[in-house]
Amino acid sequence: MVKENLPDIFIVKVNNSNFSWLLFAIYASPRFRERSILWSNLANVATNHELPWVMIGDFNEVLMSSEKFGGQPMNIRRAMKFQECLDLCGMMDMGFNGARYTWSNLRGVTELIQERLDRSFYNVN
């Protein structure tokens, strides 16, 4: 396991109960090769505990074409690799309110790129 590509992990304990869950704070690399290592490491982590967990942060990847505007078309192979990780971890998208895209290159309309990169997922193990 490559430790440089692990998220920050926190154990959250609910007061006055025996209930605990894991919180993963994610900032995925903008480089696909490093994100692939993260996806692999997350899938490995999923097999090594039985606690429910939440992942929140910048995943630097879209899952479907509606989450991207402008620039090159969505890379289906990369999206499938990300989705495979989420499936292996038993993750469900928490959804969101607010702006459709969470990142923009802040350029003019003809060069504008916007994407939904920030997300939150959970599982209930």
Protein backbone atom coordinates (compact mmCIF):
# COMPACT_ATOMS: atom_id res chain seq x y z
CA MET A 1 0.00 0.00 0.00
CA VAL A 2 1.34 3.44 -0.92
CA LYS A 3 0.86 5.62 2.14
CA GLU A 4 1.26 8.89 0.24
CA ASN A 5 -2.05 8.19 -1.47
CA LEU A 6 -4.17 7.59 1.59
CA PRO A 7 -6.73 10.13 2.76
CA ASP A 8 -6.79 11.59 6.25
CA ILE A 9 -8.86 9.15 8.32
CA PHE A 10 -10.69 10.04 11.51
CA ILE A 11 -12.61 7.78 13.88
CA VAL A 12 -15.82 9.48 15.01
CA LYS A 13 -17.30 8.22 18.30
CA VAL A 14 -20.89 9.05 19.17
CA ASN A 15 -21.10 10.21 22.79
CA ASN A 16 -22.89 7.93 25.26
CA SER A 17 -22.95 5.00 22.84
CA ASN A 18 -20.72 2.32 21.41
CA PHE A 19 -21.30 3.62 17.89
CA SER A 20 -18.28 4.72 15.88
CA TRP A 21 -17.73 5.45 12.21
CA LEU A 22 -14.84 6.48 9.99
CA LEU A 23 -14.49 9.82 8.25
CA PHE A 24 -12.15 9.97 5.26
CA ALA A 25 -11.07 13.45 4.12
CA ILE A 26 -10.11 13.18 0.44
CA TYR A 27 -8.01 15.42 -1.74
CA ALA A 28 -7.32 13.29 -4.81
CA SER A 29 -4.38 14.14 -7.01
CA PRO A 30 -5.04 15.93 -10.30
CA ARG A 31 -2.86 13.19 -11.89
CA PHE A 32 -4.79 10.09 -12.95
CA ARG A 33 -1.99 7.66 -12.08
CA GLU A 34 -1.95 8.87 -8.48
CA ARG A 35 -5.76 8.87 -8.28
CA SER A 36 -5.72 5.25 -9.46
CA ILE A 37 -3.44 4.37 -6.56
CA LEU A 38 -5.84 6.13 -4.19
CA TRP A 39 -8.83 4.20 -5.62
CA SER A 40 -6.91 0.97 -5.10
CA ASN A 41 -5.92 1.89 -1.55
CA LEU A 42 -9.49 2.83 -0.64
CA ALA A 43 -10.73 -0.53 -1.92
CA ASN A 44 -8.09 -2.25 0.25
CA VAL A 45 -9.12 -0.23 3.29
CA ALA A 46 -12.73 -1.27 2.73
CA THR A 47 -11.80 -4.93 3.20
CA ASN A 48 -9.93 -4.27 6.47
CA HIS A 49 -12.68 -2.88 8.70
CA GLU A 50 -16.37 -3.26 9.39
CA LEU A 51 -17.25 0.25 10.53
CA PRO A 52 -19.61 2.48 8.55
CA TRP A 53 -17.72 5.26 6.84
CA VAL A 54 -18.02 8.56 5.04
CA MET A 55 -15.73 9.99 2.37
CA ILE A 56 -15.87 13.70 1.65
CA GLY A 57 -13.69 15.99 -0.39
CA ASP A 58 -12.24 16.73 -3.79
CA PHE A 59 -12.11 13.50 -5.81
CA ASN A 60 -10.80 15.23 -8.96
CA GLU A 61 -12.95 12.99 -11.16
CA VAL A 62 -16.42 13.16 -12.70
CA LEU A 63 -18.69 10.11 -12.90
CA MET A 64 -20.92 11.14 -15.80
CA SER A 65 -20.90 13.56 -18.69
CA SER A 66 -23.57 15.79 -17.09
CA GLU A 67 -21.01 16.65 -14.40
CA LYS A 68 -18.70 18.32 -16.91
CA PHE A 69 -19.07 21.40 -19.08
CA GLY A 70 -16.53 22.47 -21.72
CA GLY A 71 -13.04 21.24 -22.51
CA GLN A 72 -12.30 17.66 -23.53
CA PRO A 73 -15.16 15.16 -23.22
CA MET A 74 -15.39 13.14 -20.03
CA ASN A 75 -12.93 10.24 -19.94
CA ILE A 76 -15.12 7.14 -19.58
CA ARG A 77 -12.23 4.85 -18.58
CA ARG A 78 -11.26 7.13 -15.70
CA ALA A 79 -14.86 7.51 -14.56
CA MET A 80 -15.32 3.74 -14.62
CA LYS A 81 -12.20 3.25 -12.49
CA PHE A 82 -13.58 5.72 -9.93
CA GLN A 83 -17.03 4.05 -9.98
CA GLU A 84 -15.40 0.64 -9.51
CA CYS A 85 -13.69 1.93 -6.37
CA LEU A 86 -16.99 3.29 -5.03
CA ASP A 87 -18.71 -0.02 -5.75
CA LEU A 88 -15.97 -2.05 -4.04
CA CYS A 89 -16.29 0.21 -0.99
CA GLY A 90 -20.10 -0.03 -0.99
CA MET A 91 -20.41 3.75 -1.28
CA MET A 92 -23.56 5.72 -2.01
CA ASP A 93 -23.56 9.37 -3.08
CA MET A 94 -25.05 11.67 -0.44
CA GLY A 95 -26.23 14.08 -3.11
CA PHE A 96 -25.80 17.83 -2.91
CA ASN A 97 -27.53 21.20 -2.92
CA GLY A 98 -26.25 24.29 -4.62
CA ALA A 99 -24.19 24.90 -7.71
CA ARG A 100 -24.09 22.11 -10.29
CA TYR A 101 -20.30 22.35 -10.66
CA THR A 102 -17.78 22.64 -7.83
CA TRP A 103 -14.72 23.59 -9.88
CA SER A 104 -14.11 26.03 -12.73
CA ASN A 105 -11.05 27.17 -14.64
CA LEU A 106 -12.56 30.69 -14.43
CA ARG A 107 -11.97 31.46 -18.11
CA GLY A 108 -14.20 33.18 -20.63
CA VAL A 109 -17.20 31.38 -22.12
CA THR A 110 -15.31 29.98 -25.13
CA GLU A 111 -12.60 28.40 -22.93
CA LEU A 112 -14.69 27.75 -19.81
CA ILE A 113 -14.46 24.33 -18.13
CA GLN A 114 -16.60 23.41 -15.13
CA GLU A 115 -16.81 20.08 -13.29
CA ARG A 116 -18.37 18.50 -10.22
CA LEU A 117 -15.29 17.25 -8.37
CA ASP A 118 -16.29 17.72 -4.72
CA ARG A 119 -18.51 14.99 -3.31
CA SER A 120 -19.61 13.06 -0.27
CA PHE A 121 -20.24 9.33 -0.07
CA TYR A 122 -21.27 6.95 2.69
CA ASN A 123 -21.80 3.28 3.37
CA VAL A 124 -23.54 1.56 6.25
CA ASN A 125 -21.45 -1.62 6.56
